[in-house]
Protein backbone atom coordinates (compact mmCIF):
# COMPACT_ATOMS: atom_id res chain seq x y z
CA UNK A 1 -65.50 15.31 33.38
CA UNK A 2 -63.89 17.98 35.56
CA UNK A 3 -67.49 18.34 37.14
CA UNK A 4 -68.96 14.89 37.73
CA UNK A 5 -72.67 15.07 36.44
CA UNK A 6 -75.48 13.59 38.26
CA UNK A 7 -75.44 10.03 37.97
CA UNK A 8 -71.81 9.31 36.87
CA UNK A 9 -71.05 5.76 37.29
CA UNK A 10 -68.30 3.06 36.16
CA UNK A 11 -71.08 1.96 33.73
CA UNK A 12 -71.93 5.76 32.29
CA UNK A 13 -68.16 6.82 32.13
CA UNK A 14 -67.51 3.66 30.39
CA UNK A 15 -70.06 3.95 28.00
CA UNK A 16 -68.64 7.47 27.44
CA UNK A 17 -65.18 6.29 26.90
CA UNK A 18 -66.32 3.83 24.42
CA UNK A 19 -68.57 5.76 22.46
CA UNK A 20 -67.53 9.35 22.42
CA UNK A 21 -63.77 8.79 22.91
CA UNK A 22 -63.37 5.23 21.08
CA UNK A 23 -61.37 3.99 23.98
CA UNK A 24 -61.76 0.28 24.35
CA UNK A 25 -62.99 0.59 28.06
CA UNK A 26 -64.16 -2.02 30.16
CA UNK A 27 -65.05 -2.43 33.80
CA UNK A 28 -62.61 -4.90 35.70
CA UNK A 29 -63.90 -6.23 38.00
CA UNK A 30 -67.30 -5.01 38.53
CA UNK A 31 -67.37 -5.09 42.08
CA UNK A 32 -64.92 -2.28 42.30
CA UNK A 33 -66.04 -0.25 39.24
CA UNK A 34 -62.17 -0.19 38.28
CA UNK A 35 -62.29 0.87 34.50
CA UNK A 36 -59.53 -0.52 32.16
CA UNK A 37 -58.42 -0.27 28.81
CA UNK A 38 -56.49 -2.64 26.57
CA UNK A 39 -54.13 -1.27 24.14
CA UNK A 40 -55.26 -1.99 20.78
CA UNK A 41 -55.82 1.00 18.53
CA UNK A 42 -55.00 3.31 21.32
CA UNK A 43 -51.60 2.98 22.69
CA UNK A 44 -50.06 4.63 26.01
CA UNK A 45 -46.88 6.52 27.02
CA UNK A 46 -46.00 6.27 30.74
CA UNK A 47 -43.20 8.41 32.54
CA UNK A 48 -42.76 10.14 35.55
CA UNK A 49 -44.69 13.16 36.69
CA UNK A 50 -42.05 15.76 36.45
CA UNK A 51 -41.14 14.38 32.85
CA UNK A 52 -45.00 14.30 31.96
CA UNK A 53 -45.32 18.05 33.04
CA UNK A 54 -42.25 19.03 31.17
CA UNK A 55 -43.36 16.91 28.22
CA UNK A 56 -47.03 18.65 28.22
CA UNK A 57 -45.33 22.23 28.52
CA UNK A 58 -42.99 21.41 25.40
CA UNK A 59 -45.63 20.20 23.35
CA UNK A 60 -48.00 23.39 23.91
CA UNK A 61 -44.99 25.54 23.44
CA UNK A 62 -44.47 23.90 19.78
CA UNK A 63 -48.14 24.47 19.29
CA UNK A 64 -48.79 20.58 19.05
CA UNK A 65 -52.37 19.49 20.16
CA UNK A 66 -52.63 17.89 23.48
CA UNK A 67 -54.50 14.61 23.96
CA UNK A 68 -55.46 12.87 27.09
CA UNK A 69 -53.37 12.51 29.68
CA UNK A 70 -53.89 10.94 33.08
CA UNK A 71 -52.24 10.90 36.50
CA UNK A 72 -51.32 8.25 38.90
CA UNK A 73 -50.62 10.49 42.03
CA UNK A 74 -49.51 7.56 44.20
CA UNK A 75 -46.80 6.54 41.61
CA UNK A 76 -46.02 10.15 40.74
CA UNK A 77 -46.60 8.75 37.06
CA UNK A 78 -48.40 10.50 34.21
CA UNK A 79 -49.66 8.46 31.09
CA UNK A 80 -50.34 10.09 27.69
CA UNK A 81 -52.66 8.34 25.50
CA UNK A 82 -51.49 7.99 21.66
CA UNK A 83 -51.70 6.96 18.41
CA UNK A 84 -50.14 3.59 17.75
CA UNK A 85 -47.44 4.87 15.19
CA UNK A 86 -44.42 3.91 17.49
CA UNK A 87 -42.12 1.80 15.75
CA UNK A 88 -40.76 -1.57 17.18
CA UNK A 89 -37.75 -0.35 17.88
CA UNK A 90 -35.41 -1.54 20.53
CA UNK A 91 -33.11 1.38 20.82
CA UNK A 92 -35.85 3.49 20.72
CA UNK A 93 -37.53 1.69 23.68
CA UNK A 94 -34.13 1.60 25.70
CA UNK A 95 -33.64 5.60 25.38
CA UNK A 96 -36.98 5.58 26.93
CA UNK A 97 -36.13 3.04 29.55
CA UNK A 98 -33.07 5.25 30.62
CA UNK A 99 -35.49 7.93 31.53
CA UNK A 100 -38.15 5.73 33.19
CA UNK A 101 -40.46 5.99 30.53
CA UNK A 102 -42.46 3.39 28.42
CA UNK A 103 -44.84 2.39 25.48
CA UNK A 104 -47.79 0.62 26.54
CA UNK A 105 -48.59 -1.36 23.09
CA UNK A 106 -51.02 -4.02 21.75
CA UNK A 107 -52.15 -6.43 24.44
CA UNK A 108 -51.33 -3.69 27.29
CA UNK A 109 -53.26 -2.71 30.14
CA UNK A 110 -54.25 1.13 31.07
CA UNK A 111 -56.40 1.99 34.34
CA UNK A 112 -58.98 4.97 33.33
CA UNK A 113 -59.98 7.38 36.23
CA UNK A 114 -63.32 5.78 37.06
CA UNK A 115 -65.96 7.76 39.50
CA UNK A 116 -65.87 5.35 41.84
CA UNK A 117 -64.64 6.51 45.46
CA UNK A 118 -61.74 3.65 45.34
CA UNK A 119 -60.81 4.94 41.90
CA UNK A 120 -60.87 8.53 42.30
CA UNK A 121 -57.98 9.07 44.05
CA UNK A 122 -55.77 6.37 42.32
CA UNK A 123 -56.22 7.92 38.64
CA UNK A 124 -57.04 11.34 37.63
CA UNK A 125 -57.34 13.38 34.45
CA UNK A 126 -54.64 16.04 33.81
CA UNK A 127 -56.35 16.49 30.13
CA UNK A 128 -59.81 14.48 30.10
CA UNK A 129 -60.56 12.78 26.60
CA UNK A 130 -63.69 15.20 25.01
CA UNK A 131 -63.08 13.31 21.62
CA UNK A 132 -61.10 10.51 19.75
CA UNK A 133 -58.16 12.78 19.14
CA UNK A 134 -54.88 11.35 20.38
CA UNK A 135 -51.42 12.82 19.76
CA UNK A 136 -48.72 10.77 17.43
CA UNK A 137 -46.91 8.69 19.97
CA UNK A 138 -43.98 9.85 17.98
CA UNK A 139 -44.58 13.49 18.48
CA UNK A 140 -44.66 13.00 22.02
CA UNK A 141 -41.51 10.78 22.25
CA UNK A 142 -40.03 13.93 20.68
CA UNK A 143 -41.15 15.99 23.24
CA UNK A 144 -39.72 13.44 25.84
CA UNK A 145 -36.45 13.58 24.16
CA UNK A 146 -36.16 17.55 23.73
CA UNK A 147 -37.24 17.57 27.78
CA UNK A 148 -34.33 14.74 28.50
CA UNK A 149 -31.84 15.88 25.90
CA UNK A 150 -28.12 16.86 26.87
CA UNK A 151 -28.24 19.17 30.01
CA UNK A 152 -31.81 18.74 30.55
CA UNK A 153 -32.14 15.35 32.28
CA UNK A 154 -30.75 17.03 35.40
CA UNK A 155 -33.58 20.04 35.44
CA UNK A 156 -36.34 17.44 34.73
CA UNK A 157 -35.92 15.54 37.90
CA UNK A 158 -36.40 18.71 39.58
CA UNK A 159 -39.71 20.16 37.96
């Protein structure tokens, strides 16, 4: 995905996402070539980009496998695609909310990078999907908590 192959189109990219990466991707609307994914067996965790950078670094430092991560440059946010293993826990969601992070669960929508000119500048892969691997949502949340723990919140906002 780092180098767009000849013939890459919203349709071919969507087929790749579905067949190779098992992402429930669709083109919506077809006229714009925007690719979206409804959260079902794949969820997402979105957060400010500086926190996302810290989380990615923390996961790597711990030796955890990094899964697909996408960037929304205009809103300065990162989204980690995760396994749907995060419990329905209001205190957990409140804790994430305090750090401007949230879990996109069943029924939510995640916009994925598309090769169209309109979509290309809106969403980009930090770590592109290569297969069906997604890290545990709880593991990513553990890294979020490590990055914003006592005395760390200020440092994260300046990364």
